[in-house]
Amino acid sequence: KKTKTPLSQLVKYCSDYNFAAKADFLKSISKKFTANITAQIETARKVCTVNKQNAVTAGENLYKNTKNDLAQVKEIFGMQDFSYSNIADKVANELLQCSIDFFNDSQSKKLENNYHEKAVKLVNLAEEVAVGSMVKDRIKANLQTLEDMKDREINQAIALLQSVKNAYEDNERKIRAQARELQENDFEIRMGMKSINWISVNANIQNSINWDKVVELIKEEITPQNVNAIKNTTNSGKIEEYKKSVNFILGKLGSYRKTKVSYLDWWSSNTSSTTTRTLSSPPRSTYTPKKESWASENPGCVLAIVIAIFIAFIAMFV
């Protein structure tokens, strides 16, 4: 019984010997490899079109099922030959596209599937395969953007919570300054005939923020999905900053309001929950950025929602 020699082994034999029409012979063999690679690219593309949540599996299969064929084409032509670089870049582009499709779909659906990490993995596979500078530049840009996005949720959460804290502390400074000014300038207060009711002053400071609005804004902008991503942040400095901001806000809320946003404080409540800039992509389609929230686009305008009630003169008889 005759044993059929694998194409890969035949390529190795032919590469070791010189004979007439060797180049034409190897080229004809390479067509079988490139045909299989092209078919695998098309399969991955169809899978992604049907269900973008399968794009990770499609990309991983594409990489696995073309790795050997790409190696054979590289053996025949060499890395810098257009025949190899062209087909390799097509695989790299499709791997990048699988990453993009999966990332966008997961982001839009706010899924808890570690989509950032999985998207990065596919882009790394694309980087491994890519040859041409254009594809490499796209991959580099995507990796950098994904790196920037890694701490996006915690950065936005800190910015929002800090804006509320800043508004509260600004209100407190102004109210206390007005009370002290009154204390210094009012003759009757100076003479001890009447005094500032500091309990009332403190109550006005506490109520200078519309906490119901703050709670609703937090629920809208820092969702359980965001918190799930935040607690997986590896930047310990940012985690500490986030915890301090959360503790400050929760410390100002009554029990009822605090219950509504208790998921922010996962480290003590053990609340388990869940999670998005635009990435560049190959020509076929692009990453779809999540529409930036009003609060993240206009951090200063949070103060418009956080209602400050300033008191011109705070003096009450005891």
Protein backbone atom coordinates (compact mmCIF):
# COMPACT_ATOMS: atom_id res chain seq x y z
CA LYS A 1 0.00 0.00 0.00
CA LYS A 2 1.42 3.37 -1.06
CA THR A 3 1.79 6.08 1.53
CA LYS A 4 0.79 9.58 0.46
CA THR A 5 3.49 12.17 1.22
CA PRO A 6 2.12 15.23 3.02
CA LEU A 7 2.46 18.49 1.11
CA SER A 8 4.47 20.03 3.92
CA GLN A 9 7.00 17.19 3.71
CA LEU A 10 7.11 17.47 -0.07
CA VAL A 11 7.90 21.17 0.24
CA LYS A 12 10.80 20.35 2.55
CA TYR A 13 12.19 17.77 0.13
CA CYS A 14 11.91 20.14 -2.81
CA SER A 15 13.50 23.00 -0.89
CA ASP A 16 16.58 20.88 -0.23
CA TYR A 17 17.24 20.12 -3.90
CA ASN A 18 17.66 22.09 -7.09
CA PHE A 19 15.99 20.88 -10.25
CA ALA A 20 14.51 22.30 -13.40
CA ALA A 21 11.18 24.09 -12.98
CA LYS A 22 11.59 23.96 -9.17
CA ALA A 23 10.13 27.45 -8.75
CA ASP A 24 7.06 26.64 -10.85
CA PHE A 25 6.56 23.39 -9.02
CA LEU A 26 6.70 25.00 -5.57
CA LYS A 27 4.41 27.77 -6.73
CA SER A 28 1.79 25.29 -7.82
CA ILE A 29 1.99 23.57 -4.44
CA SER A 30 1.67 26.91 -2.63
CA LYS A 31 -1.71 27.46 -4.29
CA LYS A 32 -3.14 24.59 -2.25
CA PHE A 33 -1.96 26.22 0.96
CA THR A 34 -3.20 29.68 0.04
CA ALA A 35 -6.54 28.24 -1.09
CA ASN A 36 -7.02 26.65 2.32
CA ILE A 37 -6.00 29.87 4.08
CA THR A 38 -8.46 31.86 1.98
CA ALA A 39 -11.23 29.36 2.79
CA GLN A 40 -10.46 29.64 6.51
CA ILE A 41 -10.62 33.44 6.33
CA GLU A 42 -14.02 33.23 4.65
CA THR A 43 -15.25 30.77 7.27
CA ALA A 44 -14.23 33.09 10.09
CA ARG A 45 -15.91 36.00 8.34
CA LYS A 46 -19.19 34.11 7.97
CA VAL A 47 -19.18 33.01 11.61
CA CYS A 48 -18.69 36.61 12.75
CA THR A 49 -21.47 37.81 10.48
CA VAL A 50 -23.96 35.32 11.91
CA ASN A 51 -23.09 35.91 15.58
CA LYS A 52 -20.40 38.34 16.67
CA GLN A 53 -20.21 36.68 20.10
CA ASN A 54 -18.59 33.74 18.28
CA ALA A 55 -15.90 36.00 16.84
CA VAL A 56 -13.32 35.00 19.46
CA THR A 57 -13.71 31.32 18.67
CA ALA A 58 -13.71 32.12 14.96
CA GLY A 59 -10.49 34.06 15.32
CA GLU A 60 -8.78 31.39 17.41
CA ASN A 61 -9.79 28.72 14.90
CA LEU A 62 -8.56 30.87 12.03
CA TYR A 63 -5.17 31.24 13.68
CA LYS A 64 -4.92 27.53 14.50
CA ASN A 65 -6.13 26.30 11.11
CA THR A 66 -3.84 28.55 9.05
CA LYS A 67 -0.68 28.44 11.13
CA ASN A 68 0.84 25.43 9.38
CA ASP A 69 -0.23 26.55 5.89
CA LEU A 70 1.28 29.98 6.45
CA ALA A 71 4.51 28.33 7.57
CA GLN A 72 4.62 26.33 4.32
CA VAL A 73 4.00 29.37 2.15
CA LYS A 74 6.72 31.17 4.08
CA GLU A 75 9.05 28.22 3.48
CA ILE A 76 8.37 28.38 -0.24
CA PHE A 77 8.60 32.12 -0.83
CA GLY A 78 10.31 33.65 2.20
CA MET A 79 8.84 36.21 4.59
CA GLN A 80 9.41 39.29 2.44
CA ASP A 81 7.94 37.86 -0.75
CA PHE A 82 4.61 39.44 -1.67
CA SER A 83 2.96 36.04 -2.09
CA TYR A 84 3.55 35.31 1.59
CA SER A 85 3.14 38.80 3.08
CA ASN A 86 -0.13 39.31 1.22
CA ILE A 87 -1.83 36.16 2.51
CA ALA A 88 -0.36 36.57 6.00
CA ASP A 89 -1.68 40.13 6.23
CA LYS A 90 -5.11 38.94 5.14
CA VAL A 91 -5.14 36.51 8.07
CA ALA A 92 -3.90 39.24 10.42
CA ASN A 93 -6.60 41.62 9.20
CA GLU A 94 -9.30 39.04 9.78
CA LEU A 95 -8.02 38.27 13.27
CA LEU A 96 -8.13 41.97 14.02
CA GLN A 97 -11.64 42.15 12.60
CA CYS A 98 -12.76 39.26 14.81
CA SER A 99 -11.45 41.21 17.79
CA ILE A 100 -13.31 44.32 16.67
CA ASP A 101 -16.61 42.52 16.05
CA PHE A 102 -16.50 40.74 19.39
CA PHE A 103 -15.48 43.85 21.31
CA ASN A 104 -18.17 46.07 19.80
CA ASP A 105 -20.92 43.50 20.26
CA SER A 106 -19.97 42.79 23.87
CA GLN A 107 -19.66 46.46 24.67
CA SER A 108 -23.02 47.39 23.17
CA LYS A 109 -24.73 44.58 25.09
CA LYS A 110 -22.82 45.36 28.32
CA LEU A 111 -21.87 41.72 28.69
CA GLU A 112 -19.82 40.25 31.52
CA ASN A 113 -17.47 38.22 29.35
CA ASN A 114 -14.04 39.80 29.90
CA TYR A 115 -14.35 41.15 26.39
CA HIS A 116 -11.45 43.57 26.78
CA GLU A 117 -9.02 40.78 27.65
CA LYS A 118 -10.30 38.51 24.87
CA ALA A 119 -10.12 41.32 22.32
CA VAL A 120 -6.50 41.98 23.27
CA LYS A 121 -5.68 38.29 22.87
CA LEU A 122 -6.93 38.27 19.29
CA VAL A 123 -5.05 41.46 18.45
CA ASN A 124 -1.88 39.84 19.81
CA LEU A 125 -2.44 36.87 17.49
CA ALA A 126 -2.88 39.29 14.60
CA GLU A 127 0.39 40.97 15.55
CA GLU A 128 2.15 37.61 15.49
CA VAL A 129 0.96 36.90 11.94
CA ALA A 130 1.22 40.37 10.35
CA VAL A 131 4.05 41.19 7.95
CA GLY A 132 3.18 44.46 6.20
CA SER A 133 3.80 47.80 7.90
CA MET A 134 0.25 49.04 7.26
CA VAL A 135 -1.34 46.13 9.10
CA LYS A 136 1.26 46.31 11.86
CA ASP A 137 0.50 50.00 12.35
CA ARG A 138 -3.23 49.26 12.71
CA ILE A 139 -2.51 46.52 15.20
CA LYS A 140 -0.18 48.76 17.19
CA ALA A 141 -2.81 51.51 17.29
CA ASN A 142 -5.47 49.08 18.49
CA LEU A 143 -3.27 47.63 21.21
CA GLN A 144 -2.42 51.09 22.47
CA THR A 145 -6.07 52.12 22.53
CA LEU A 146 -7.06 48.93 24.33
CA GLU A 147 -4.32 49.61 26.88
CA ASP A 148 -5.70 53.12 27.37
CA MET A 149 -9.19 51.69 27.80
CA LYS A 150 -8.14 49.19 30.43
CA ASP A 151 -8.74 51.63 33.27
CA ARG A 152 -11.47 53.61 31.56
CA GLU A 153 -14.29 52.58 33.88
CA ILE A 154 -12.42 53.39 37.08
CA ASN A 155 -11.17 56.71 35.69
CA GLN A 156 -14.70 57.79 34.78
CA ALA A 157 -16.08 56.62 38.11
CA ILE A 158 -13.43 58.52 40.06
CA ALA A 159 -14.04 61.65 37.98
CA LEU A 160 -17.79 61.57 38.67
CA LEU A 161 -17.51 60.84 42.38
CA GLN A 162 -14.76 63.42 42.79
CA SER A 163 -16.85 66.08 41.05
CA VAL A 164 -19.62 65.54 43.61
CA LYS A 165 -17.09 65.63 46.46
CA ASN A 166 -15.57 68.85 45.07
CA ALA A 167 -19.02 70.46 44.80
CA TYR A 168 -19.86 69.51 48.38
CA GLU A 169 -16.57 70.79 49.75
CA ASP A 170 -16.87 74.03 47.75
CA ASN A 171 -20.35 74.58 49.17
CA GLU A 172 -19.07 73.86 52.67
CA ARG A 173 -16.26 76.39 52.36
CA LYS A 174 -18.59 79.11 51.13
CA ILE A 175 -21.27 78.49 53.76
CA ARG A 176 -18.80 78.41 56.62
CA ALA A 177 -17.07 81.52 55.30
CA GLN A 178 -20.40 83.36 55.20
CA ALA A 179 -21.20 82.22 58.73
CA ARG A 180 -17.81 83.38 60.01
CA GLU A 181 -18.19 86.71 58.24
CA LEU A 182 -21.56 87.20 59.87
CA GLN A 183 -20.11 86.24 63.23
CA GLU A 184 -17.36 88.84 62.87
CA ASN A 185 -19.51 91.67 61.54
CA ASP A 186 -22.81 91.33 63.40
CA PHE A 187 -22.72 93.56 66.50
CA GLU A 188 -25.26 91.51 68.47
CA ILE A 189 -23.35 88.30 67.82
CA ARG A 190 -20.09 89.93 68.86
CA MET A 191 -21.67 91.21 72.04
CA GLY A 192 -23.05 87.74 72.85
CA MET A 193 -26.66 88.82 72.47
CA LYS A 194 -27.21 86.11 69.91
CA SER A 195 -25.13 83.41 68.25
CA ILE A 196 -24.74 81.36 65.12
CA ASN A 197 -26.68 78.13 65.20
CA TRP A 198 -23.92 75.83 63.96
CA ILE A 199 -26.24 72.83 63.90
CA SER A 200 -28.31 74.69 61.34
CA VAL A 201 -25.19 75.67 59.44
CA ASN A 202 -24.07 72.03 59.23
CA ALA A 203 -27.54 70.96 58.13
CA ASN A 204 -27.45 73.51 55.34
CA ILE A 205 -24.06 72.25 54.24
CA GLN A 206 -25.38 68.69 54.12
CA ASN A 207 -28.44 69.78 52.16
CA SER A 208 -26.47 71.97 49.74
CA ILE A 209 -26.29 68.94 47.45
CA ASN A 210 -29.33 67.31 45.89
CA TRP A 211 -28.41 63.79 46.95
CA ASP A 212 -31.35 62.20 45.14
CA LYS A 213 -29.98 63.61 41.87
CA VAL A 214 -26.51 62.40 42.78
CA VAL A 215 -27.76 58.86 43.43
CA GLU A 216 -29.61 58.77 40.11
CA LEU A 217 -26.55 60.06 38.28
CA ILE A 218 -24.33 57.45 39.91
CA LYS A 219 -26.75 54.65 39.03
CA GLU A 220 -26.75 55.82 35.42
CA GLU A 221 -23.02 56.39 35.02
CA ILE A 222 -21.44 53.80 37.34
CA THR A 223 -23.40 50.63 36.71
CA PRO A 224 -22.87 47.25 38.38
CA GLN A 225 -21.17 46.23 35.11
CA ASN A 226 -18.71 49.10 35.50
CA VAL A 227 -18.02 48.12 39.11
CA ASN A 228 -17.30 44.56 38.04
CA ALA A 229 -14.61 45.90 35.70
CA ILE A 230 -13.34 48.37 38.30
CA LYS A 231 -12.73 45.70 40.94
CA ASN A 232 -10.54 43.81 38.45
CA THR A 233 -8.34 46.85 37.90
CA THR A 234 -4.70 46.05 38.59
CA ASN A 235 -3.73 49.66 39.32
CA SER A 236 -3.71 49.69 43.14
CA GLY A 237 -3.38 53.47 43.28
CA LYS A 238 -6.57 53.98 41.28
CA ILE A 239 -8.40 51.35 43.34
CA GLU A 240 -7.46 53.21 46.52
CA GLU A 241 -8.58 56.53 45.01
CA TYR A 242 -11.89 54.98 43.97
CA LYS A 243 -12.48 53.53 47.45
CA LYS A 244 -11.83 56.88 49.11
CA SER A 245 -14.28 58.59 46.75
CA VAL A 246 -16.95 55.93 47.35
CA ASN A 247 -16.50 56.11 51.11
CA PHE A 248 -16.93 59.87 51.05
CA ILE A 249 -20.15 59.72 49.03
CA LEU A 250 -21.66 56.85 51.01
CA GLY A 251 -20.77 58.65 54.21
CA LYS A 252 -23.01 61.55 53.15
CA LEU A 253 -26.01 59.40 52.21
CA GLY A 254 -28.78 58.22 54.47
CA SER A 255 -29.61 54.53 54.72
CA TYR A 256 -32.30 54.60 52.05
CA ARG A 257 -30.16 56.36 49.44
CA LYS A 258 -27.09 54.33 50.36
CA THR A 259 -28.95 51.09 49.65
CA LYS A 260 -29.52 52.17 46.06
CA VAL A 261 -25.80 52.45 45.33
CA SER A 262 -24.40 49.96 47.84
CA TYR A 263 -22.91 47.93 44.95
CA LEU A 264 -20.21 50.61 44.64
CA ASP A 265 -18.67 49.29 47.85
CA TRP A 266 -17.92 45.71 46.81
CA TRP A 267 -15.02 45.28 49.25
CA SER A 268 -17.31 45.41 52.29
CA SER A 269 -20.70 44.47 50.84
CA ASN A 270 -19.40 41.63 48.62
CA THR A 271 -21.78 42.82 45.92
CA SER A 272 -20.88 41.08 42.73
CA SER A 273 -21.73 42.75 39.54
CA THR A 274 -20.43 43.98 35.93
CA THR A 275 -18.88 47.09 31.77
CA THR A 276 -16.04 51.13 27.08
CA ARG A 277 -12.72 54.91 22.91
CA THR A 278 -12.75 54.21 19.46
CA LEU A 279 -10.31 51.65 18.06
CA SER A 280 -8.98 51.72 14.54
CA SER A 281 -9.63 48.74 12.35
CA PRO A 282 -9.12 47.15 8.96
CA PRO A 283 -11.12 48.63 6.10
CA ARG A 284 -14.02 46.14 6.37
CA SER A 285 -15.47 47.67 9.52
CA THR A 286 -14.51 49.62 12.58
CA TYR A 287 -14.82 49.48 16.32
CA THR A 288 -18.01 51.21 17.35
CA PRO A 289 -17.31 53.40 20.35
CA LYS A 290 -19.87 53.51 23.09
CA LYS A 291 -21.57 56.89 23.01
CA GLU A 292 -19.95 58.97 25.70
CA SER A 293 -22.30 59.79 28.51
CA TRP A 294 -23.34 63.37 29.13
CA ALA A 295 -21.53 63.30 32.46
CA SER A 296 -18.23 62.06 31.03
CA GLU A 297 -18.33 64.56 28.16
CA ASN A 298 -19.24 67.43 30.48
CA PRO A 299 -17.69 66.68 33.87
CA GLY A 300 -17.99 70.32 34.90
CA CYS A 301 -21.69 70.28 34.22
CA VAL A 302 -22.26 67.67 36.90
CA LEU A 303 -22.27 70.67 39.21
CA ALA A 304 -25.42 71.84 37.42
CA ILE A 305 -27.15 68.66 38.51
CA VAL A 306 -25.61 68.77 41.94
CA ILE A 307 -27.80 71.58 43.29
CA ALA A 308 -25.95 73.97 45.53
CA ILE A 309 -28.01 75.96 47.97
CA PHE A 310 -25.87 78.76 49.27
CA ILE A 311 -26.93 80.78 52.26
CA ALA A 312 -26.16 84.46 52.25
CA PHE A 313 -26.59 84.98 55.97
CA ILE A 314 -27.02 82.22 58.53
CA ALA A 315 -27.87 83.56 61.92
CA MET A 316 -30.40 82.29 64.34
CA PHE A 317 -31.18 83.18 67.93
CA VAL A 318 -30.54 80.38 70.40
